[in-house]
Amino acid sequence: MRRRLLFLAPAALVAAVGLGLCGQGLSIPAKAALAQALLERAFDRSVATGQPVKPWPWADTWPVAKVTFPRLARTVIVLDSASGQALAFGPGHVAGTPQAGDRGTAVYAAHRDTHFALLGQVKTGDAIEVERIDGRQARFEVAGAQVVRWDASGIDPNGPGRKLALATCWPLDAKAHGPLRYLVWAEPAQRW
């Protein structure tokens, strides 16, 4: 009996630690999914009132746009900030870039393992629809994608036209941080 107990105690400890680690790993996607539901509600209230609405009382950001990928039947809510804390809950609008549909290049960034995991499925010619909290809408068409260094993206927020860039880390299936980013470029759609 004593020998059996000596074996079971370490096995139970290893099992408990393993379950704890699995729970932590699963909590990230669960938190991201729950956050998008709360952000969707805050986005709808923002559009209705014309004012930014925080998704929860202690939030330090708020929804600014809804991005839809019609071919993929996927929608994400974009937050006002692209800080690491905000990106845990959804894509962020990169500071210093215009709103989607305005002159220049709007940039939205998100994590590759949650909200922008779908970028690997986006194809040239795909539609991307953006609805802003001010009620304005813009429709883009994917022009292409490229891998760049984080400090050499070539994005000019004040450049000509009305473009959209979606950014995430590269490679899409990596587990470690690295210097490369995957950019999806979109131009205004010819037909809306």
N, C-alpha and C. Protein backbone atom coordinates (compact mmCIF):
# COMPACT_ATOMS: atom_id res chain seq x y z
N MET A 1 0.82 -1.19 0.00
CA MET A 1 0.00 0.00 0.00
C MET A 1 0.87 1.27 0.00
N ARG A 2 1.89 1.24 0.84
CA ARG A 2 2.78 2.40 0.96
C ARG A 2 3.50 2.63 -0.38
N ARG A 3 3.93 1.56 -0.99
CA ARG A 3 4.64 1.64 -2.27
C ARG A 3 3.71 2.23 -3.34
N ARG A 4 2.48 1.80 -3.30
CA ARG A 4 1.49 2.31 -4.27
C ARG A 4 1.26 3.81 -4.05
N LEU A 5 1.19 4.23 -2.83
CA LEU A 5 1.00 5.65 -2.50
C LEU A 5 2.20 6.47 -2.96
N LEU A 6 3.40 5.93 -2.80
CA LEU A 6 4.60 6.63 -3.26
C LEU A 6 4.59 6.82 -4.78
N PHE A 7 3.98 5.92 -5.49
CA PHE A 7 3.88 6.05 -6.94
C PHE A 7 2.75 7.00 -7.33
N LEU A 8 1.61 6.92 -6.67
CA LEU A 8 0.44 7.72 -7.03
C LEU A 8 0.60 9.21 -6.72
N ALA A 9 1.28 9.55 -5.66
CA ALA A 9 1.44 10.96 -5.29
C ALA A 9 2.17 11.75 -6.38
N PRO A 10 3.34 11.30 -6.85
CA PRO A 10 4.00 12.05 -7.93
C PRO A 10 3.19 12.03 -9.23
N ALA A 11 2.53 10.91 -9.52
CA ALA A 11 1.71 10.85 -10.74
C ALA A 11 0.56 11.85 -10.65
N ALA A 12 -0.06 11.97 -9.50
CA ALA A 12 -1.16 12.94 -9.32
C ALA A 12 -0.64 14.36 -9.46
N LEU A 13 0.55 14.63 -8.94
CA LEU A 13 1.15 15.97 -9.06
C LEU A 13 1.44 16.30 -10.52
N VAL A 14 2.02 15.35 -11.24
CA VAL A 14 2.31 15.57 -12.66
C VAL A 14 1.01 15.79 -13.44
N ALA A 15 -0.02 15.01 -13.15
CA ALA A 15 -1.31 15.17 -13.82
C ALA A 15 -1.91 16.54 -13.52
N ALA A 16 -1.82 16.99 -12.27
CA ALA A 16 -2.37 18.30 -11.90
C ALA A 16 -1.63 19.42 -12.62
N VAL A 17 -0.31 19.34 -12.68
CA VAL A 17 0.47 20.36 -13.38
C VAL A 17 0.13 20.35 -14.87
N GLY A 18 0.01 19.18 -15.45
CA GLY A 18 -0.35 19.06 -16.87
C GLY A 18 -1.71 19.66 -17.16
N LEU A 19 -2.69 19.37 -16.33
CA LEU A 19 -4.02 19.94 -16.50
C LEU A 19 -3.99 21.46 -16.36
N GLY A 20 -3.19 21.94 -15.41
CA GLY A 20 -3.07 23.39 -15.24
C GLY A 20 -2.49 24.06 -16.47
N LEU A 21 -1.46 23.47 -17.05
CA LEU A 21 -0.84 24.03 -18.25
C LEU A 21 -1.81 23.97 -19.43
N CYS A 22 -2.54 22.87 -19.57
CA CYS A 22 -3.54 22.77 -20.64
C CYS A 22 -4.62 23.84 -20.46
N GLY A 23 -5.03 24.05 -19.23
CA GLY A 23 -6.04 25.08 -18.95
C GLY A 23 -5.55 26.47 -19.33
N GLN A 24 -4.30 26.76 -19.03
CA GLN A 24 -3.74 28.05 -19.42
C GLN A 24 -3.72 28.19 -20.94
N GLY A 25 -3.30 27.15 -21.63
CA GLY A 25 -3.24 27.19 -23.09
C GLY A 25 -4.61 27.37 -23.72
N LEU A 26 -5.62 26.75 -23.15
CA LEU A 26 -6.98 26.87 -23.68
C LEU A 26 -7.63 28.19 -23.29
N SER A 27 -7.16 28.81 -22.22
CA SER A 27 -7.79 30.06 -21.78
C SER A 27 -7.55 31.21 -22.75
N ILE A 28 -6.44 31.19 -23.47
CA ILE A 28 -6.15 32.28 -24.40
C ILE A 28 -7.18 32.34 -25.53
N PRO A 29 -7.43 31.24 -26.27
CA PRO A 29 -8.47 31.30 -27.30
C PRO A 29 -9.86 31.55 -26.72
N ALA A 30 -10.13 31.00 -25.53
CA ALA A 30 -11.44 31.22 -24.91
C ALA A 30 -11.62 32.69 -24.56
N LYS A 31 -10.58 33.31 -24.02
CA LYS A 31 -10.65 34.72 -23.67
C LYS A 31 -10.84 35.57 -24.93
N ALA A 32 -10.16 35.20 -26.00
CA ALA A 32 -10.29 35.94 -27.26
C ALA A 32 -11.71 35.84 -27.80
N ALA A 33 -12.31 34.65 -27.74
CA ALA A 33 -13.68 34.46 -28.25
C ALA A 33 -14.69 35.22 -27.40
N LEU A 34 -14.57 35.14 -26.08
CA LEU A 34 -15.49 35.87 -25.19
C LEU A 34 -15.34 37.37 -25.40
N ALA A 35 -14.12 37.83 -25.53
CA ALA A 35 -13.88 39.26 -25.74
C ALA A 35 -14.55 39.74 -27.01
N GLN A 36 -14.47 38.96 -28.10
CA GLN A 36 -15.10 39.38 -29.35
C GLN A 36 -16.61 39.52 -29.19
N ALA A 37 -17.25 38.66 -28.39
CA ALA A 37 -18.69 38.78 -28.15
C ALA A 37 -19.00 40.08 -27.41
N LEU A 38 -18.21 40.40 -26.40
CA LEU A 38 -18.42 41.65 -25.65
C LEU A 38 -18.09 42.87 -26.53
N LEU A 39 -17.06 42.74 -27.36
CA LEU A 39 -16.68 43.83 -28.26
C LEU A 39 -17.75 44.06 -29.32
N GLU A 40 -18.37 42.99 -29.80
CA GLU A 40 -19.45 43.10 -30.78
C GLU A 40 -20.60 43.93 -30.19
N ARG A 41 -20.95 43.64 -28.95
CA ARG A 41 -22.02 44.39 -28.28
C ARG A 41 -21.62 45.86 -28.10
N ALA A 42 -20.39 46.10 -27.69
CA ALA A 42 -19.92 47.48 -27.51
C ALA A 42 -19.87 48.21 -28.85
N PHE A 43 -19.47 47.51 -29.92
CA PHE A 43 -19.44 48.11 -31.25
C PHE A 43 -20.85 48.55 -31.66
N ASP A 44 -21.83 47.67 -31.50
CA ASP A 44 -23.21 47.99 -31.87
C ASP A 44 -23.72 49.20 -31.09
N ARG A 45 -23.40 49.26 -29.80
CA ARG A 45 -23.81 50.42 -28.98
C ARG A 45 -23.09 51.69 -29.42
N SER A 46 -21.84 51.56 -29.82
CA SER A 46 -21.07 52.72 -30.30
C SER A 46 -21.69 53.29 -31.58
N VAL A 47 -22.05 52.40 -32.50
CA VAL A 47 -22.68 52.85 -33.75
C VAL A 47 -24.01 53.52 -33.45
N ALA A 48 -24.79 52.95 -32.53
CA ALA A 48 -26.11 53.49 -32.20
C ALA A 48 -26.02 54.86 -31.53
N THR A 49 -25.02 55.04 -30.67
CA THR A 49 -24.91 56.30 -29.92
C THR A 49 -23.99 57.31 -30.60
N GLY A 50 -23.11 56.84 -31.50
CA GLY A 50 -22.15 57.74 -32.13
C GLY A 50 -20.96 58.05 -31.23
N GLN A 51 -20.86 57.36 -30.10
CA GLN A 51 -19.78 57.58 -29.15
C GLN A 51 -19.07 56.25 -28.86
N PRO A 52 -17.76 56.28 -28.63
CA PRO A 52 -17.06 55.04 -28.27
C PRO A 52 -17.61 54.47 -26.96
N VAL A 53 -17.86 53.16 -26.94
CA VAL A 53 -18.37 52.47 -25.76
C VAL A 53 -17.36 51.39 -25.38
N LYS A 54 -16.93 51.41 -24.11
CA LYS A 54 -16.00 50.38 -23.64
C LYS A 54 -16.73 49.05 -23.50
N PRO A 55 -16.04 47.95 -23.85
CA PRO A 55 -16.69 46.64 -23.78
C PRO A 55 -16.90 46.13 -22.35
N TRP A 56 -16.11 46.59 -21.41
CA TRP A 56 -16.27 46.27 -19.99
C TRP A 56 -15.74 47.47 -19.23
N PRO A 57 -16.20 47.69 -18.02
CA PRO A 57 -15.89 48.94 -17.29
C PRO A 57 -14.41 49.27 -17.15
N TRP A 58 -13.55 48.29 -16.97
CA TRP A 58 -12.13 48.56 -16.73
C TRP A 58 -11.30 48.54 -18.01
N ALA A 59 -11.93 48.41 -19.15
CA ALA A 59 -11.21 48.37 -20.42
C ALA A 59 -10.49 49.69 -20.67
N ASP A 60 -9.29 49.60 -21.25
CA ASP A 60 -8.53 50.81 -21.60
C ASP A 60 -8.58 51.05 -23.11
N THR A 61 -9.50 50.39 -23.80
CA THR A 61 -9.68 50.55 -25.24
C THR A 61 -11.15 50.32 -25.56
N TRP A 62 -11.51 50.55 -26.81
CA TRP A 62 -12.89 50.41 -27.24
C TRP A 62 -12.91 50.07 -28.73
N PRO A 63 -14.02 49.53 -29.21
CA PRO A 63 -14.10 49.19 -30.63
C PRO A 63 -14.11 50.44 -31.52
N VAL A 64 -13.44 50.33 -32.66
CA VAL A 64 -13.45 51.41 -33.64
C VAL A 64 -13.96 50.96 -35.01
N ALA A 65 -13.94 49.64 -35.25
CA ALA A 65 -14.37 49.15 -36.56
C ALA A 65 -14.74 47.67 -36.48
N LYS A 66 -15.54 47.26 -37.44
CA LYS A 66 -15.86 45.84 -37.63
C LYS A 66 -15.34 45.45 -39.00
N VAL A 67 -14.53 44.40 -39.06
CA VAL A 67 -13.95 43.95 -40.32
C VAL A 67 -14.56 42.59 -40.65
N THR A 68 -15.11 42.49 -41.87
CA THR A 68 -15.73 41.25 -42.31
C THR A 68 -14.98 40.70 -43.51
N PHE A 69 -14.75 39.40 -43.48
CA PHE A 69 -14.13 38.66 -44.58
C PHE A 69 -15.23 37.78 -45.17
N PRO A 70 -16.01 38.28 -46.14
CA PRO A 70 -17.20 37.56 -46.61
C PRO A 70 -16.94 36.12 -47.09
N ARG A 71 -15.88 35.89 -47.85
CA ARG A 71 -15.63 34.55 -48.36
C ARG A 71 -15.39 33.56 -47.23
N LEU A 72 -14.77 34.02 -46.16
CA LEU A 72 -14.47 33.16 -45.02
C LEU A 72 -15.59 33.14 -43.99
N ALA A 73 -16.60 34.00 -44.18
CA ALA A 73 -17.70 34.13 -43.23
C ALA A 73 -17.18 34.41 -41.82
N ARG A 74 -16.23 35.35 -41.72
CA ARG A 74 -15.62 35.70 -40.45
C ARG A 74 -15.67 37.21 -40.25
N THR A 75 -15.88 37.61 -39.01
CA THR A 75 -15.91 39.02 -38.64
C THR A 75 -15.10 39.20 -37.36
N VAL A 76 -14.33 40.29 -37.30
CA VAL A 76 -13.59 40.65 -36.09
C VAL A 76 -13.85 42.12 -35.77
N ILE A 77 -13.81 42.43 -34.50
CA ILE A 77 -13.95 43.81 -34.04
C ILE A 77 -12.56 44.36 -33.78
N VAL A 78 -12.29 45.54 -34.32
CA VAL A 78 -10.98 46.19 -34.19
C VAL A 78 -11.02 47.20 -33.05
N LEU A 79 -9.98 47.19 -32.22
CA LEU A 79 -9.88 48.08 -31.07
C LEU A 79 -9.09 49.34 -31.39
N ASP A 80 -9.24 50.34 -30.54
CA ASP A 80 -8.60 51.64 -30.73
C ASP A 80 -7.08 51.58 -30.58
N SER A 81 -6.55 50.56 -29.97
CA SER A 81 -5.12 50.50 -29.68
C SER A 81 -4.53 49.19 -30.19
N ALA A 82 -3.27 49.23 -30.57
CA ALA A 82 -2.55 48.02 -30.96
C ALA A 82 -1.51 47.66 -29.90
N SER A 83 -1.78 48.06 -28.64
CA SER A 83 -0.87 47.70 -27.55
C SER A 83 -0.97 46.20 -27.30
N GLY A 84 0.04 45.64 -26.67
CA GLY A 84 0.02 44.22 -26.36
C GLY A 84 -1.18 43.82 -25.54
N GLN A 85 -1.58 44.68 -24.62
CA GLN A 85 -2.75 44.37 -23.78
C GLN A 85 -4.03 44.35 -24.62
N ALA A 86 -4.19 45.31 -25.51
CA ALA A 86 -5.39 45.35 -26.36
C ALA A 86 -5.42 44.17 -27.32
N LEU A 87 -4.25 43.80 -27.88
CA LEU A 87 -4.21 42.71 -28.86
C LEU A 87 -4.59 41.37 -28.25
N ALA A 88 -4.58 41.26 -26.93
CA ALA A 88 -5.04 40.02 -26.30
C ALA A 88 -6.54 39.81 -26.53
N PHE A 89 -7.26 40.90 -26.83
CA PHE A 89 -8.71 40.82 -26.97
C PHE A 89 -9.20 40.95 -28.41
N GLY A 90 -8.38 41.50 -29.29
CA GLY A 90 -8.80 41.65 -30.68
C GLY A 90 -7.77 42.40 -31.48
N PRO A 91 -8.00 42.52 -32.79
CA PRO A 91 -7.10 43.32 -33.62
C PRO A 91 -7.09 44.77 -33.14
N GLY A 92 -5.99 45.45 -33.37
CA GLY A 92 -5.88 46.85 -32.98
C GLY A 92 -5.58 47.74 -34.17
N HIS A 93 -6.14 48.95 -34.10
CA HIS A 93 -5.85 49.98 -35.10
C HIS A 93 -4.53 50.63 -34.71
N VAL A 94 -3.54 50.56 -35.57
CA VAL A 94 -2.21 51.07 -35.26
C VAL A 94 -2.23 52.60 -35.23
N ALA A 95 -1.76 53.15 -34.12
CA ALA A 95 -1.72 54.61 -33.94
C ALA A 95 -0.91 55.26 -35.05
N GLY A 96 -1.35 56.44 -35.46
CA GLY A 96 -0.65 57.19 -36.49
C GLY A 96 -1.08 56.82 -37.89
N THR A 97 -2.00 55.88 -38.03
CA THR A 97 -2.51 55.53 -39.35
C THR A 97 -3.96 55.99 -39.43
N PRO A 98 -4.44 56.31 -40.64
CA PRO A 98 -5.81 56.83 -40.77
C PRO A 98 -6.86 55.75 -40.50
N GLN A 99 -8.09 56.17 -40.36
CA GLN A 99 -9.21 55.23 -40.27
C GLN A 99 -9.38 54.57 -41.64
N ALA A 100 -9.84 53.35 -41.65
CA ALA A 100 -10.06 52.64 -42.91
C ALA A 100 -11.03 53.42 -43.78
N GLY A 101 -10.65 53.63 -45.04
CA GLY A 101 -11.48 54.39 -45.98
C GLY A 101 -11.04 55.83 -46.13
N ASP A 102 -10.26 56.34 -45.17
CA ASP A 102 -9.74 57.70 -45.28
C ASP A 102 -8.45 57.67 -46.11
N ARG A 103 -7.97 58.84 -46.54
CA ARG A 103 -6.74 58.92 -47.34
C ARG A 103 -5.56 58.36 -46.55
N GLY A 104 -4.73 57.58 -47.24
CA GLY A 104 -3.56 56.98 -46.63
C GLY A 104 -3.75 55.48 -46.47
N THR A 105 -2.93 54.89 -45.61
CA THR A 105 -3.02 53.44 -45.37
C THR A 105 -3.37 53.19 -43.92
N ALA A 106 -4.56 52.65 -43.70
CA ALA A 106 -4.98 52.23 -42.37
C ALA A 106 -4.32 50.89 -42.08
N VAL A 107 -3.87 50.70 -40.84
CA VAL A 107 -3.21 49.45 -40.47
C VAL A 107 -3.90 48.85 -39.25
N TYR A 108 -4.28 47.58 -39.40
CA TYR A 108 -4.83 46.80 -38.30
C TYR A 108 -3.86 45.65 -38.04
N ALA A 109 -3.53 45.43 -36.76
CA ALA A 109 -2.62 44.35 -36.39
C ALA A 109 -3.31 43.43 -35.39
N ALA A 110 -2.96 42.14 -35.44
CA ALA A 110 -3.51 41.17 -34.49
C ALA A 110 -2.57 39.99 -34.37
N HIS A 111 -2.80 39.17 -33.35
CA HIS A 111 -1.99 37.98 -33.14
C HIS A 111 -2.29 36.93 -34.20
N ARG A 112 -1.26 36.21 -34.58
CA ARG A 112 -1.39 35.17 -35.62
C ARG A 112 -2.11 33.92 -35.12
N ASP A 113 -2.18 33.73 -33.81
CA ASP A 113 -2.80 32.51 -33.28
C ASP A 113 -4.23 32.72 -32.79
N THR A 114 -4.75 33.94 -32.95
CA THR A 114 -6.15 34.18 -32.57
C THR A 114 -6.86 34.87 -33.73
N HIS A 115 -7.01 36.17 -33.65
CA HIS A 115 -7.87 36.91 -34.57
C HIS A 115 -7.37 36.99 -36.01
N PHE A 116 -6.06 36.98 -36.22
CA PHE A 116 -5.56 37.03 -37.59
C PHE A 116 -4.97 35.70 -38.05
N ALA A 117 -5.33 34.61 -37.38
CA ALA A 117 -4.96 33.29 -37.88
C ALA A 117 -5.59 33.09 -39.26
N LEU A 118 -6.70 33.75 -39.50
CA LEU A 118 -7.42 33.63 -40.77
C LEU A 118 -6.67 34.25 -41.94
N LEU A 119 -5.65 35.07 -41.70
CA LEU A 119 -4.93 35.70 -42.82
C LEU A 119 -4.26 34.67 -43.72
N GLY A 120 -3.96 33.50 -43.19
CA GLY A 120 -3.38 32.45 -44.01
C GLY A 120 -4.36 31.91 -45.05
N GLN A 121 -5.65 32.17 -44.87
CA GLN A 121 -6.68 31.69 -45.79
C GLN A 121 -7.14 32.78 -46.77
N VAL A 122 -6.72 34.01 -46.53
CA VAL A 122 -7.13 35.13 -47.39
C VAL A 122 -6.40 35.03 -48.73
N LYS A 123 -7.13 35.25 -49.82
CA LYS A 123 -6.56 35.15 -51.16
C LYS A 123 -6.66 36.48 -51.90
N THR A 124 -5.78 36.67 -52.86
CA THR A 124 -5.85 37.85 -53.72
C THR A 124 -7.23 37.90 -54.36
N GLY A 125 -7.84 39.08 -54.33
CA GLY A 125 -9.18 39.26 -54.89
C GLY A 125 -10.29 39.15 -53.86
N ASP A 126 -9.98 38.63 -52.66
CA ASP A 126 -11.01 38.53 -51.62
C ASP A 126 -11.49 39.92 -51.20
N ALA A 127 -12.76 40.00 -50.87
CA ALA A 127 -13.33 41.25 -50.35
C ALA A 127 -13.06 41.34 -48.86
N ILE A 128 -12.84 42.56 -48.40
CA ILE A 128 -12.74 42.89 -46.98
C ILE A 128 -13.64 44.09 -46.77
N GLU A 129 -14.62 43.95 -45.89
CA GLU A 129 -15.56 45.04 -45.62
C GLU A 129 -15.27 45.62 -44.24
N VAL A 130 -15.24 46.94 -44.16
CA VAL A 130 -14.98 47.61 -42.89
C VAL A 130 -16.13 48.55 -42.59
N GLU A 131 -16.69 48.42 -41.39
CA GLU A 131 -17.69 49.36 -40.89
C GLU A 131 -17.09 50.05 -39.68
N ARG A 132 -17.10 51.37 -39.69
CA ARG A 132 -16.54 52.14 -38.59
C ARG A 132 -17.64 52.55 -37.62
N ILE A 133 -17.25 52.95 -36.40
CA ILE A 133 -18.28 53.34 -35.42
C ILE A 133 -18.98 54.64 -35.79
N ASP A 134 -18.39 55.42 -36.71
CA ASP A 134 -19.06 56.64 -37.16
C ASP A 134 -20.08 56.33 -38.26
N GLY A 135 -20.27 55.04 -38.56
CA GLY A 135 -21.25 54.64 -39.56
C GLY A 135 -20.71 54.53 -40.98
N ARG A 136 -19.52 55.06 -41.22
CA ARG A 136 -18.94 54.97 -42.58
C ARG A 136 -18.52 53.54 -42.87
N GLN A 137 -18.65 53.17 -44.13
CA GLN A 137 -18.27 51.83 -44.56
C GLN A 137 -17.29 51.93 -45.72
N ALA A 138 -16.42 50.96 -45.79
CA ALA A 138 -15.45 50.88 -46.90
C ALA A 138 -15.32 49.42 -47.30
N ARG A 139 -15.15 49.21 -48.58
CA ARG A 139 -14.96 47.84 -49.08
C ARG A 139 -13.63 47.81 -49.83
N PHE A 140 -12.83 46.82 -49.47
CA PHE A 140 -11.51 46.65 -50.05
C PHE A 140 -11.43 45.31 -50.77
N GLU A 141 -10.41 45.20 -51.62
CA GLU A 141 -10.12 43.96 -52.30
C GLU A 141 -8.65 43.63 -52.05
N VAL A 142 -8.38 42.40 -51.66
CA VAL A 142 -7.00 42.00 -51.36
C VAL A 142 -6.17 42.07 -52.64
N ALA A 143 -5.09 42.85 -52.58
CA ALA A 143 -4.19 43.02 -53.72
C ALA A 143 -3.00 42.09 -53.65
N GLY A 144 -2.67 41.61 -52.46
CA GLY A 144 -1.53 40.72 -52.30
C GLY A 144 -1.09 40.64 -50.86
N ALA A 145 -0.02 39.87 -50.64
CA ALA A 145 0.54 39.70 -49.30
C ALA A 145 2.04 39.56 -49.42
N GLN A 146 2.74 39.87 -48.34
CA GLN A 146 4.20 39.74 -48.34
C GLN A 146 4.70 39.57 -46.93
N VAL A 147 5.90 39.03 -46.81
CA VAL A 147 6.58 38.88 -45.53
C VAL A 147 7.67 39.94 -45.47
N VAL A 148 7.70 40.70 -44.37
CA VAL A 148 8.68 41.78 -44.21
C VAL A 148 9.25 41.75 -42.79
N ARG A 149 10.37 42.44 -42.60
CA ARG A 149 10.88 42.63 -41.24
C ARG A 149 9.99 43.63 -40.54
N TRP A 150 9.85 43.50 -39.24
CA TRP A 150 8.97 44.39 -38.47
C TRP A 150 9.35 45.86 -38.63
N ASP A 151 10.62 46.13 -38.85
CA ASP A 151 11.09 47.51 -38.95
C ASP A 151 11.29 47.97 -40.40
N ALA A 152 10.81 47.18 -41.36
CA ALA A 152 10.97 47.54 -42.78
C ALA A 152 9.71 47.14 -43.56
N SER A 153 8.57 47.56 -43.06
CA SER A 153 7.30 47.14 -43.66
C SER A 153 6.98 47.85 -44.97
N GLY A 154 7.50 49.06 -45.13
CA GLY A 154 7.18 49.83 -46.33
C GLY A 154 5.82 50.50 -46.27
N ILE A 155 5.16 50.43 -45.13
CA ILE A 155 3.84 51.06 -44.99
C ILE A 155 4.02 52.56 -44.83
N ASP A 156 3.34 53.32 -45.68
CA ASP A 156 3.33 54.77 -45.57
C ASP A 156 1.91 55.19 -45.22
N PRO A 157 1.66 55.51 -43.94
CA PRO A 157 0.30 55.86 -43.55
C PRO A 157 -0.23 57.10 -44.27
N ASN A 158 0.66 57.93 -44.79
CA ASN A 158 0.25 59.15 -45.48
C ASN A 158 0.36 59.03 -47.00
N GLY A 159 0.57 57.83 -47.49
CA GLY A 159 0.73 57.61 -48.93
C GLY A 159 -0.55 57.89 -49.70
N PRO A 160 -0.45 57.88 -51.01
CA PRO A 160 -1.63 58.16 -51.84
C PRO A 160 -2.66 57.04 -51.77
N GLY A 161 -3.88 57.38 -52.07
CA GLY A 161 -4.95 56.40 -52.11
C GLY A 161 -5.58 56.16 -50.75
N ARG A 162 -6.40 55.13 -50.70
CA ARG A 162 -7.11 54.74 -49.48
C ARG A 162 -6.93 53.24 -49.33
N LYS A 163 -5.85 52.86 -48.67
CA LYS A 163 -5.47 51.45 -48.59
C LYS A 163 -5.67 50.90 -47.18
N LEU A 164 -5.61 49.57 -47.11
CA LEU A 164 -5.72 48.87 -45.83
C LEU A 164 -4.61 47.84 -45.78
N ALA A 165 -3.91 47.77 -44.64
CA ALA A 165 -2.89 46.75 -44.41
C ALA A 165 -3.25 45.99 -43.14
N LEU A 166 -3.25 44.68 -43.24
CA LEU A 166 -3.50 43.81 -42.09
C LEU A 166 -2.18 43.13 -41.76
N ALA A 167 -1.75 43.22 -40.50
CA ALA A 167 -0.42 42.74 -40.12
C ALA A 167 -0.49 41.74 -38.98
N THR A 168 0.35 40.71 -39.07
CA THR A 168 0.49 39.74 -38.00
C THR A 168 1.90 39.17 -38.04
N CYS A 169 2.27 38.40 -37.05
CA CYS A 169 3.62 37.81 -37.01
C CYS A 169 3.74 36.66 -38.01
N TRP A 170 4.97 36.43 -38.44
CA TRP A 170 5.29 35.36 -39.39
C TRP A 170 6.41 34.51 -38.83
N PRO A 171 6.41 33.23 -39.05
CA PRO A 171 5.43 32.42 -39.77
C PRO A 171 4.15 32.24 -38.95
N LEU A 172 3.07 31.98 -39.66
CA LEU A 172 1.76 31.92 -39.02
C LEU A 172 1.64 30.78 -38.02
N ASP A 173 2.41 29.72 -38.18
CA ASP A 173 2.31 28.59 -37.27
C ASP A 173 3.43 28.54 -36.23
N ALA A 174 4.23 29.59 -36.13
CA ALA A 174 5.34 29.60 -35.18
C ALA A 174 4.83 29.79 -33.76
N LYS A 175 5.61 29.33 -32.80
CA LYS A 175 5.27 29.48 -31.39
C LYS A 175 6.13 30.54 -30.71
N ALA A 176 7.27 30.88 -31.33
CA ALA A 176 8.20 31.85 -30.75
C ALA A 176 8.10 33.18 -31.48
N HIS A 177 8.48 34.23 -30.80
CA HIS A 177 8.51 35.56 -31.40
C HIS A 177 9.64 35.64 -32.41
N GLY A 178 9.47 36.50 -33.38
CA GLY A 178 10.51 36.68 -34.38
C GLY A 178 10.38 38.05 -35.02
N PRO A 179 11.32 38.42 -35.89
CA PRO A 179 11.34 39.75 -36.47
C PRO A 179 10.47 39.93 -37.72
N LEU A 180 9.86 38.84 -38.20
CA LEU A 180 9.11 38.93 -39.46
C LEU A 180 7.62 39.15 -39.24
N ARG A 181 7.03 39.88 -40.20
CA ARG A 181 5.59 40.15 -40.17
C ARG A 181 4.99 39.77 -41.51
N TYR A 182 3.74 39.33 -41.46
CA TYR A 182 2.98 38.99 -42.66
C TYR A 182 1.99 40.11 -42.89
N LEU A 183 2.06 40.74 -44.05
CA LEU A 183 1.17 41.85 -44.39
C LEU A 183 0.24 41.45 -45.52
N VAL A 184 -1.04 41.71 -45.33
CA VAL A 184 -2.02 41.56 -46.39
C VAL A 184 -2.40 42.98 -46.82
N TRP A 185 -2.22 43.27 -48.10
CA TRP A 185 -2.50 44.59 -48.65
C TRP A 185 -3.85 44.58 -49.35
N ALA A 186 -4.63 45.61 -49.12
CA ALA A 186 -5.94 45.71 -49.77
C ALA A 186 -6.13 47.12 -50.33
N GLU A 187 -6.75 47.17 -51.50
CA GLU A 187 -7.07 48.43 -52.20
C GLU A 187 -8.58 48.61 -52.20
N PRO A 188 -9.05 49.83 -52.42
CA PRO A 188 -10.51 50.01 -52.51
C PRO A 188 -11.10 49.13 -53.62
N ALA A 189 -12.22 48.52 -53.32
CA ALA A 189 -12.89 47.65 -54.30
C ALA A 189 -13.44 48.50 -55.43
N GLN A 190 -13.39 47.97 -56.64
CA GLN A 190 -13.90 48.68 -57.80
C GLN A 190 -15.42 48.81 -57.74
N ARG A 191 -16.07 47.75 -57.25
CA ARG A 191 -17.54 47.77 -57.14
C ARG A 191 -17.93 47.49 -55.72
N TRP A 192 -18.92 48.18 -55.25
CA TRP A 192 -19.40 47.96 -53.87
C TRP A 192 -20.75 47.34 -53.90
